[in-house]
Amino acid sequence: MIKRKAKFKFALIITSIIIGLCLTIFSFNIPFTNYTYNGFVNSIKLGIDLKGGVLAVYNVVPDPESTSSFESEVEATITRLQSLITEKGYTEATVVRQTNGTDTQIRIEVPDVDDPAEIFSLIGQPAKLEFKTVKDVNAQAELTGDYIKSVEASYQDGDYGVSIEFDNEGAQIFFNLTTQLSENKDKLYLYIGGVLFSEPAVQSVISDGKTFISGSMNSYSEAEAYATKILSGTFSVQLELFENSVVSATLGKDALSMSLLAGIIGFSLVLIFMYLIYGTFGLLANLSLIIYIVILMFFLQAVPLVQLTLPGIAGIILSLGMAVDANVIIFERIKDEYRAGKKIPSSVKSGFEKSLSAILDGNITTIIASVVLYILGTGAIKGFAITLLIGIFVSMFTGLFITRKLISTYLPLNSTNPKPYKLKREATTNELS
């Protein structure tokens, strides 16, 4: 009865692992619905070094005349950049802050781009947007892009143009401006980066914080270009291009293919090694490692912070090594306990208990290093840190819980014969009760 129950449990475990692998690897249409399920692997966001794309790094130049804190201005600029790129359809783009020595920088990565020139055109060379009542570059600005809530191309009353909406404070300032200028139908001068960009005439008082600028745009694409130019001037700080590069999709696919091949070969060698050295224990550890892969792939596609890069793959491989290392420590400790005279079930119990501290020590130090790398690192370093961090937590769970559960489920099928487990002891060693 006990063996039959153990076989049934083990059959359920194997079935669950097969289902998990299918959910991880395959994509398929769900019957009777319009929904297509993408496997965990296919849903992981890829970085530009694996998918191809555009990288741009900007130095942040503080405005000496600004009354706002530098930190808040940088964060506001990052938010606006992310919004600008996302609204144009590049939903996987990332905009993050980093440091280069004493310089503060903003790093923009846009993967899977067919036309890199479009991205550089979209981001442009961001500069300060200023509204002035005098046609003089040195005149004081009455309103700046800091108060703009949204900008979009539109078509109204037979004209292509740009719709601008201000926030509450900006709406009040704009109301005062239009009240002043509309009396004589005066113009409002828009400067971007110290260059006169537009001089629309103010026809009436605007009290709702919304305005429509037209007159020089003959198509929707021209209106979009105009809107993009205005948006590039809404950033709270001035940005200077420090670095830009383009990774072709072909190179990205080649890098991904080679990484996957290397990973499969390495993982296969690990599975073979575990079986040859630890026998049935090794096979059970291999099942645990497969569960580790399934859980890890799930979290990599579920955690928003993850955008997989080549360094990120290195983090995965390192965490896999930690998972294997945990099993090796456990099995070696089990061997020691059996060699000392304990029975197999007692050896397994003591082996897990006595290996716990060593496993925790090794993993906790790696977790601390990962957190430090994520906080202080930039770009690819953060990618490595986050995948390593996720991998370490998953490896601890599978090593200390899943492997133990698999062994305890299997032991009723063989709790006396040491040969399948590759356990040995001296003939003169007395078995403990």
Protein backbone atom coordinates (compact mmCIF):
# COMPACT_ATOMS: atom_id res chain seq x y z
CA MET A 1 0.00 0.00 0.00
CA ILE A 2 2.79 2.45 0.91
CA LYS A 3 4.70 1.72 -2.29
CA ARG A 4 1.55 2.05 -4.39
CA LYS A 5 0.83 5.43 -2.81
CA ALA A 6 4.43 6.54 -3.42
CA LYS A 7 4.19 5.48 -7.08
CA PHE A 8 0.96 7.42 -7.48
CA LYS A 9 2.49 10.56 -5.95
CA PHE A 10 5.54 10.23 -8.14
CA ALA A 11 3.39 9.82 -11.24
CA LEU A 12 1.59 13.06 -10.33
CA ILE A 13 4.94 14.83 -9.91
CA ILE A 14 6.20 13.64 -13.30
CA THR A 15 2.92 14.67 -14.95
CA SER A 16 3.14 18.12 -13.32
CA ILE A 17 6.72 18.53 -14.54
CA ILE A 18 5.72 17.62 -18.11
CA ILE A 19 2.84 20.14 -18.00
CA GLY A 20 5.21 22.77 -16.60
CA LEU A 21 7.70 22.16 -19.41
CA CYS A 22 4.94 22.47 -22.02
CA LEU A 23 3.78 25.76 -20.48
CA THR A 24 7.39 26.96 -20.47
CA ILE A 25 8.43 26.03 -24.01
CA PHE A 26 5.39 25.90 -26.27
CA SER A 27 2.94 28.47 -27.60
CA PHE A 28 -0.53 27.43 -28.73
CA ASN A 29 -4.02 28.68 -29.48
CA ILE A 30 -6.49 28.03 -26.68
CA PRO A 31 -9.49 26.11 -28.07
CA PHE A 32 -12.82 27.96 -28.39
CA THR A 33 -11.16 31.34 -27.73
CA ASN A 34 -9.22 33.97 -29.67
CA TYR A 35 -6.41 33.87 -27.14
CA THR A 36 -2.95 32.58 -28.00
CA TYR A 37 -0.88 31.33 -25.11
CA ASN A 38 2.83 32.18 -25.29
CA GLY A 39 5.18 29.97 -23.31
CA PHE A 40 7.16 31.50 -20.45
CA VAL A 41 10.31 31.46 -22.58
CA ASN A 42 8.61 33.30 -25.45
CA SER A 43 7.20 35.94 -23.08
CA ILE A 44 10.50 37.04 -21.56
CA LYS A 45 11.42 40.56 -22.60
CA LEU A 46 14.76 40.64 -24.42
CA GLY A 47 17.35 43.40 -24.32
CA ILE A 48 18.90 45.01 -27.37
CA ASP A 49 21.95 42.72 -27.37
CA LEU A 50 19.65 39.73 -27.89
CA LYS A 51 16.84 41.27 -29.93
CA GLY A 52 18.61 44.12 -31.68
CA GLY A 53 17.69 47.76 -31.18
CA VAL A 54 18.91 51.20 -30.23
CA LEU A 55 20.92 52.40 -27.24
CA ALA A 56 21.29 56.07 -26.33
CA VAL A 57 22.96 57.54 -23.25
CA TYR A 58 22.51 61.22 -22.35
CA ASN A 59 24.44 63.33 -19.88
CA VAL A 60 22.12 65.33 -17.62
CA VAL A 61 23.00 69.03 -17.51
CA PRO A 62 21.55 70.84 -14.46
CA ASP A 63 19.81 74.16 -15.05
CA PRO A 64 21.52 76.75 -12.80
CA GLU A 65 18.38 78.94 -12.92
CA SER A 66 16.02 76.16 -11.87
CA THR A 67 14.31 76.43 -8.50
CA SER A 68 13.31 72.76 -8.39
CA SER A 69 15.49 70.03 -6.90
CA PHE A 70 17.82 68.30 -9.32
CA GLU A 71 16.62 64.85 -8.23
CA SER A 72 12.97 65.63 -8.94
CA GLU A 73 13.84 67.13 -12.33
CA VAL A 74 15.78 64.01 -13.36
CA GLU A 75 12.91 61.74 -12.30
CA ALA A 76 10.40 63.92 -14.14
CA THR A 77 12.54 63.77 -17.28
CA ILE A 78 12.81 59.99 -17.08
CA THR A 79 9.03 59.71 -16.71
CA ARG A 80 8.42 61.95 -19.72
CA LEU A 81 10.96 60.13 -21.87
CA GLN A 82 9.41 56.78 -21.01
CA SER A 83 5.95 58.12 -21.78
CA LEU A 84 7.10 59.64 -25.07
CA ILE A 85 8.69 56.41 -26.32
CA THR A 86 5.91 54.14 -25.05
CA GLU A 87 3.18 56.24 -26.66
CA LYS A 88 4.90 55.75 -30.00
CA GLY A 89 4.45 51.99 -29.65
CA TYR A 90 7.82 50.93 -28.21
CA THR A 91 6.37 49.32 -25.09
CA GLU A 92 9.51 47.30 -24.24
CA ALA A 93 11.75 50.36 -24.10
CA THR A 94 13.53 51.09 -20.84
CA VAL A 95 14.63 54.48 -19.52
CA VAL A 96 16.84 54.37 -16.43
CA ARG A 97 19.16 56.62 -14.50
CA GLN A 98 22.84 55.78 -14.15
CA THR A 99 26.08 57.46 -13.13
CA ASN A 100 29.39 57.80 -14.91
CA GLY A 101 31.90 59.07 -12.42
CA THR A 102 30.39 62.30 -11.12
CA ASP A 103 28.05 62.67 -14.12
CA THR A 104 24.38 61.77 -13.93
CA GLN A 105 23.15 60.05 -17.08
CA ILE A 106 19.90 58.75 -18.55
CA ARG A 107 20.16 55.48 -20.46
CA ILE A 108 17.54 54.61 -23.09
CA GLU A 109 17.27 51.13 -24.61
CA VAL A 110 14.69 50.36 -27.29
CA PRO A 111 14.79 46.71 -28.43
CA ASP A 112 13.39 45.21 -31.64
CA VAL A 113 13.51 48.35 -33.78
CA ASP A 114 13.17 48.09 -37.55
CA ASP A 115 14.27 51.67 -38.23
CA PRO A 116 16.86 52.93 -35.70
CA ALA A 117 16.84 56.38 -37.31
CA GLU A 118 13.20 56.72 -36.25
CA ILE A 119 14.15 56.31 -32.59
CA PHE A 120 16.94 58.88 -32.73
CA SER A 121 14.54 61.23 -34.49
CA LEU A 122 11.90 60.54 -31.85
CA ILE A 123 14.20 61.17 -28.91
CA GLY A 124 15.91 63.97 -30.78
CA GLN A 125 18.30 66.24 -28.99
CA PRO A 126 16.14 67.19 -26.00
CA ALA A 127 16.33 70.83 -24.97
CA LYS A 128 14.42 73.31 -22.82
CA LEU A 129 11.02 74.48 -24.11
CA GLU A 130 10.16 78.11 -23.27
CA PHE A 131 7.15 80.31 -24.00
CA LYS A 132 8.02 84.00 -24.28
CA THR A 133 6.06 87.15 -25.02
CA VAL A 134 9.08 88.84 -26.59
CA LYS A 135 10.98 87.67 -29.67
CA ASP A 136 14.31 87.60 -27.87
CA VAL A 137 16.31 84.50 -26.98
CA ASN A 138 17.58 86.24 -23.82
CA ALA A 139 14.13 87.33 -22.65
CA GLN A 140 12.67 85.72 -19.55
CA ALA A 141 10.37 82.75 -20.16
CA GLU A 142 6.78 83.22 -19.05
CA LEU A 143 6.03 79.49 -19.24
CA THR A 144 8.16 76.36 -19.72
CA GLY A 145 7.61 72.78 -20.86
CA ASP A 146 7.66 71.67 -17.21
CA TYR A 147 3.95 72.49 -17.02
CA ILE A 148 2.87 70.57 -20.11
CA LYS A 149 0.69 67.54 -19.39
CA SER A 150 0.35 66.13 -22.91
CA VAL A 151 1.15 66.93 -26.54
CA GLU A 152 -0.30 65.12 -29.55
CA ALA A 153 -0.80 65.62 -33.27
CA SER A 154 -4.42 66.23 -34.27
CA TYR A 155 -6.72 67.47 -37.00
CA GLN A 156 -9.22 70.19 -36.17
CA ASP A 157 -11.44 72.42 -38.32
CA GLY A 158 -9.69 71.37 -41.52
CA ASP A 159 -6.17 72.01 -40.22
CA TYR A 160 -3.37 69.71 -39.10
CA GLY A 161 -1.79 70.83 -35.87
CA VAL A 162 -0.75 70.03 -32.34
CA SER A 163 -2.96 69.87 -29.26
CA ILE A 164 -1.25 70.93 -26.03
CA GLU A 165 -2.66 70.44 -22.55
CA PHE A 166 -1.12 72.05 -19.45
CA ASP A 167 -1.33 70.87 -15.85
CA ASN A 168 -3.32 72.92 -13.34
CA GLU A 169 -0.53 75.37 -12.54
CA GLY A 170 0.45 75.70 -16.18
CA ALA A 171 -3.19 76.25 -17.17
CA GLN A 172 -3.40 79.23 -14.83
CA ILE A 173 -0.15 80.72 -16.18
CA PHE A 174 -1.32 80.15 -19.76
CA PHE A 175 -4.67 81.78 -18.96
CA ASN A 176 -2.89 84.89 -17.70
CA LEU A 177 -0.65 84.94 -20.79
CA THR A 178 -3.50 84.60 -23.28
CA THR A 179 -5.52 87.21 -21.41
CA GLN A 180 -2.64 89.62 -21.84
CA LEU A 181 -1.80 88.76 -25.46
CA SER A 182 -5.28 88.33 -26.91
CA GLU A 183 -6.14 92.02 -26.44
CA ASN A 184 -3.86 92.95 -29.37
CA LYS A 185 -3.71 89.54 -31.09
CA ASP A 186 -0.04 89.36 -30.13
CA LYS A 187 2.17 86.38 -30.75
CA LEU A 188 3.60 83.86 -28.34
CA TYR A 189 7.18 82.81 -29.10
CA LEU A 190 8.22 79.19 -28.52
CA TYR A 191 11.93 78.57 -28.05
CA ILE A 192 13.45 75.09 -27.88
CA GLY A 193 17.05 74.91 -26.76
CA GLY A 194 17.43 78.66 -27.29
CA VAL A 195 16.22 78.46 -30.90
CA LEU A 196 12.97 80.05 -32.06
CA PHE A 197 10.70 77.20 -33.09
CA SER A 198 7.25 78.73 -33.54
CA GLU A 199 5.39 82.01 -33.07
CA PRO A 200 1.63 81.29 -32.97
CA ALA A 201 -0.78 84.21 -32.73
CA VAL A 202 -3.04 84.29 -29.67
CA GLN A 203 -6.59 84.85 -30.90
CA SER A 204 -8.53 84.47 -27.67
CA VAL A 205 -8.32 83.88 -23.92
CA ILE A 206 -7.76 80.20 -23.06
CA SER A 207 -9.00 79.20 -19.61
CA ASP A 208 -9.08 75.38 -19.74
CA GLY A 209 -5.33 74.83 -20.19
CA LYS A 210 -5.77 73.40 -23.69
CA THR A 211 -4.66 74.92 -26.97
CA PHE A 212 -4.32 73.95 -30.61
CA ILE A 213 -1.40 75.23 -32.71
CA SER A 214 -1.68 75.09 -36.49
CA GLY A 215 -0.80 77.01 -39.63
CA SER A 216 2.44 75.49 -40.92
CA MET A 217 1.60 71.79 -41.06
CA ASN A 218 0.33 70.18 -44.26
CA SER A 219 0.03 66.54 -43.14
CA TYR A 220 -0.43 64.39 -40.07
CA SER A 221 3.22 63.30 -40.22
CA GLU A 222 4.32 66.94 -40.10
CA ALA A 223 2.04 67.48 -37.11
CA GLU A 224 3.55 64.44 -35.37
CA ALA A 225 7.06 65.75 -36.01
CA TYR A 226 5.99 69.09 -34.57
CA ALA A 227 4.50 67.38 -31.49
CA THR A 228 7.65 65.32 -30.98
CA LYS A 229 9.78 68.45 -31.15
CA ILE A 230 7.63 70.12 -28.51
CA LEU A 231 7.71 67.01 -26.32
CA SER A 232 11.48 66.93 -26.52
CA GLY A 233 11.42 70.35 -24.94
CA THR A 234 9.25 69.37 -21.99
CA PHE A 235 12.06 67.61 -20.16
CA SER A 236 12.94 69.23 -16.87
CA VAL A 237 16.69 69.13 -17.51
CA GLN A 238 18.90 69.59 -20.55
CA LEU A 239 20.25 66.40 -22.08
CA GLU A 240 23.44 66.05 -24.09
CA LEU A 241 24.01 62.90 -26.17
CA PHE A 242 26.95 60.99 -24.70
CA GLU A 243 26.76 57.65 -26.51
CA ASN A 244 24.56 55.93 -29.07
CA SER A 245 24.73 52.60 -30.84
CA VAL A 246 22.64 50.26 -32.94
CA VAL A 247 22.60 46.45 -32.63
CA SER A 248 21.17 44.69 -35.66
CA ALA A 249 18.42 42.14 -35.17
CA THR A 250 20.59 39.54 -36.94
CA LEU A 251 23.43 39.92 -34.44
CA GLY A 252 20.92 39.79 -31.60
CA LYS A 253 19.37 36.55 -32.87
CA ASP A 254 22.79 34.98 -33.37
CA ALA A 255 23.80 35.90 -29.83
CA LEU A 256 20.56 34.48 -28.45
CA SER A 257 20.89 31.26 -30.47
CA MET A 258 24.47 30.68 -29.32
CA SER A 259 23.53 31.44 -25.71
CA LEU A 260 20.64 28.97 -25.81
CA LEU A 261 22.85 26.31 -27.40
CA ALA A 262 25.54 26.80 -24.76
CA GLY A 263 22.91 26.67 -22.03
CA ILE A 264 21.36 23.45 -23.34
CA ILE A 265 24.77 21.76 -23.67
CA GLY A 266 25.84 22.86 -20.20
CA PHE A 267 22.54 21.81 -18.62
CA SER A 268 22.70 18.40 -20.31
CA LEU A 269 26.23 17.83 -19.04
CA VAL A 270 25.09 18.73 -15.51
CA LEU A 271 22.23 16.21 -15.70
CA ILE A 272 24.64 13.48 -16.86
CA PHE A 273 27.17 14.34 -14.14
CA MET A 274 24.56 14.23 -11.37
CA TYR A 275 23.34 10.78 -12.44
CA LEU A 276 26.83 9.32 -12.82
CA ILE A 277 27.97 10.54 -9.41
CA TYR A 278 24.83 10.21 -7.30
CA GLY A 279 22.69 7.59 -9.08
CA THR A 280 19.02 7.77 -8.14
CA PHE A 281 19.65 10.80 -5.95
CA GLY A 282 21.14 12.42 -9.05
CA LEU A 283 18.03 11.62 -11.11
CA LEU A 284 15.83 13.14 -8.42
CA ALA A 285 18.08 16.21 -8.34
CA ASN A 286 17.74 16.44 -12.13
CA LEU A 287 13.96 16.53 -11.77
CA SER A 288 14.42 19.29 -9.19
CA LEU A 289 16.62 21.23 -11.62
CA ILE A 290 13.99 20.92 -14.35
CA ILE A 291 11.41 22.31 -11.90
CA TYR A 292 13.92 25.07 -11.15
CA ILE A 293 14.06 25.96 -14.86
CA VAL A 294 10.25 26.07 -15.12
CA ILE A 295 9.84 28.29 -12.04
CA LEU A 296 12.73 30.54 -13.09
CA MET A 297 11.31 31.06 -16.60
CA PHE A 298 7.94 31.93 -15.07
CA PHE A 299 9.43 34.63 -12.86
CA LEU A 300 11.65 36.01 -15.62
CA GLN A 301 8.59 36.69 -17.78
CA ALA A 302 6.42 37.82 -14.85
CA VAL A 303 8.75 40.28 -13.09
CA PRO A 304 8.52 43.73 -14.79
CA LEU A 305 12.14 44.62 -13.94
CA VAL A 306 13.55 41.80 -16.08
CA GLN A 307 14.78 42.54 -19.58
CA LEU A 308 17.03 39.64 -20.52
CA THR A 309 20.50 40.45 -21.86
CA LEU A 310 23.69 38.44 -22.36
CA PRO A 311 24.91 39.35 -18.85
CA GLY A 312 21.44 38.35 -17.64
CA ILE A 313 21.92 34.90 -19.19
CA ALA A 314 25.23 34.70 -17.32
CA GLY A 315 23.29 35.40 -14.13
CA ILE A 316 20.91 32.55 -14.92
CA ILE A 317 23.79 30.14 -15.54
CA LEU A 318 25.48 31.20 -12.30
CA SER A 319 22.26 30.66 -10.32
CA LEU A 320 21.91 27.24 -11.97
CA GLY A 321 25.39 26.45 -10.75
CA MET A 322 24.31 27.49 -7.25
CA ALA A 323 21.30 25.16 -7.51
CA VAL A 324 23.55 22.25 -8.53
CA ASP A 325 25.99 23.17 -5.77
CA ALA A 326 23.21 22.98 -3.16
CA ASN A 327 22.30 19.47 -4.29
CA VAL A 328 25.96 18.39 -4.27
CA ILE A 329 26.39 19.67 -0.71
CA ILE A 330 23.25 17.81 0.40
CA PHE A 331 24.19 14.54 -1.27
CA GLU A 332 27.76 14.61 0.02
CA ARG A 333 26.44 15.17 3.51
CA ILE A 334 24.01 12.23 3.04
CA LYS A 335 26.98 10.07 1.95
CA ASP A 336 28.88 11.07 5.11
CA GLU A 337 25.92 10.20 7.32
CA TYR A 338 25.45 6.82 5.66
CA ARG A 339 29.18 6.12 5.85
CA ALA A 340 28.98 6.79 9.58
CA GLY A 341 26.48 3.95 9.96
CA LYS A 342 23.07 5.55 9.67
CA LYS A 343 20.25 4.00 7.65
CA ILE A 344 19.24 5.60 4.36
CA PRO A 345 16.14 7.51 5.67
CA SER A 346 18.12 8.79 8.68
CA SER A 347 21.04 9.74 6.44
CA VAL A 348 18.73 11.74 4.19
CA LYS A 349 17.15 13.58 7.12
CA SER A 350 20.49 14.39 8.75
CA GLY A 351 22.04 15.27 5.40
CA PHE A 352 19.47 17.98 4.72
CA GLU A 353 19.63 19.35 8.26
CA LYS A 354 23.42 19.53 8.41
CA SER A 355 23.85 21.05 4.94
CA LEU A 356 21.33 23.84 5.57
CA SER A 357 23.75 26.33 7.14
CA ALA A 358 26.38 25.90 4.41
CA ILE A 359 23.78 26.39 1.65
CA LEU A 360 22.27 29.45 3.34
CA ASP A 361 25.69 31.04 3.92
CA GLY A 362 26.71 30.68 0.28
CA ASN A 363 23.39 31.92 -1.10
CA ILE A 364 22.95 34.83 1.31
CA THR A 365 26.37 36.26 0.43
CA THR A 366 25.47 35.99 -3.26
CA ILE A 367 22.12 37.69 -2.61
CA ILE A 368 23.87 40.58 -0.86
CA ALA A 369 26.28 40.94 -3.79
CA SER A 370 23.36 40.90 -6.25
CA VAL A 371 21.50 43.63 -4.35
CA VAL A 372 24.61 45.82 -4.25
CA LEU A 373 25.20 45.30 -7.99
CA TYR A 374 21.59 46.19 -8.75
CA ILE A 375 21.66 49.36 -6.66
CA LEU A 376 25.06 50.61 -7.82
CA GLY A 377 25.26 49.03 -11.28
CA THR A 378 24.08 50.36 -14.61
CA GLY A 379 22.51 48.88 -17.71
CA ALA A 380 23.81 45.36 -18.31
CA ILE A 381 25.07 45.06 -14.71
CA LYS A 382 21.53 45.55 -13.42
CA GLY A 383 20.34 42.89 -15.85
CA PHE A 384 22.90 40.45 -14.49
CA ALA A 385 22.03 41.31 -10.89
CA ILE A 386 18.26 40.91 -11.21
CA THR A 387 18.39 37.55 -13.01
CA LEU A 388 20.99 36.27 -10.54
CA LEU A 389 18.86 37.45 -7.62
CA ILE A 390 15.73 35.73 -8.92
CA GLY A 391 17.72 32.62 -9.79
CA ILE A 392 19.25 32.38 -6.32
CA PHE A 393 15.88 32.53 -4.55
CA VAL A 394 14.46 29.90 -6.91
CA SER A 395 17.52 27.67 -6.50
CA MET A 396 17.26 27.84 -2.70
CA PHE A 397 13.59 26.88 -2.90
CA THR A 398 14.16 23.96 -5.25
CA GLY A 399 17.31 22.74 -3.47
CA LEU A 400 15.98 22.84 0.09
CA PHE A 401 12.31 22.07 -0.52
CA ILE A 402 11.68 20.46 -3.93
CA THR A 403 14.66 18.10 -3.85
CA ARG A 404 13.78 17.05 -0.29
CA LYS A 405 10.15 16.47 -1.26
CA LEU A 406 11.14 14.36 -4.27
CA ILE A 407 13.48 12.20 -2.19
CA SER A 408 10.95 11.72 0.62
CA THR A 409 8.35 10.71 -1.96
CA TYR A 410 10.71 8.23 -3.59
CA LEU A 411 12.21 6.66 -0.43
CA PRO A 412 9.26 4.28 0.23
CA LEU A 413 10.15 2.63 -3.09
CA ASN A 414 13.68 1.91 -1.86
CA SER A 415 14.81 2.67 1.67
CA THR A 416 17.25 -0.22 2.18
CA ASN A 417 19.33 -0.81 -0.96
CA PRO A 418 22.22 1.72 -1.10
CA LYS A 419 23.53 0.78 -4.55
CA PRO A 420 21.05 2.84 -6.66
CA TYR A 421 21.94 5.85 -4.49
CA LYS A 422 25.71 5.28 -4.88
CA LEU A 423 26.02 5.06 -1.08
CA LYS A 424 28.89 3.09 0.46
CA ARG A 425 30.29 2.32 3.89
CA GLU A 426 33.06 0.18 5.25
CA ALA A 427 32.11 -3.44 5.92
CA THR A 428 33.33 -3.04 9.49
CA THR A 429 31.02 -0.09 10.19
CA ASN A 430 28.10 -1.08 12.36
CA GLU A 431 24.67 0.15 11.23
CA LEU A 432 23.05 2.42 13.79
CA SER A 433 19.51 1.71 14.88
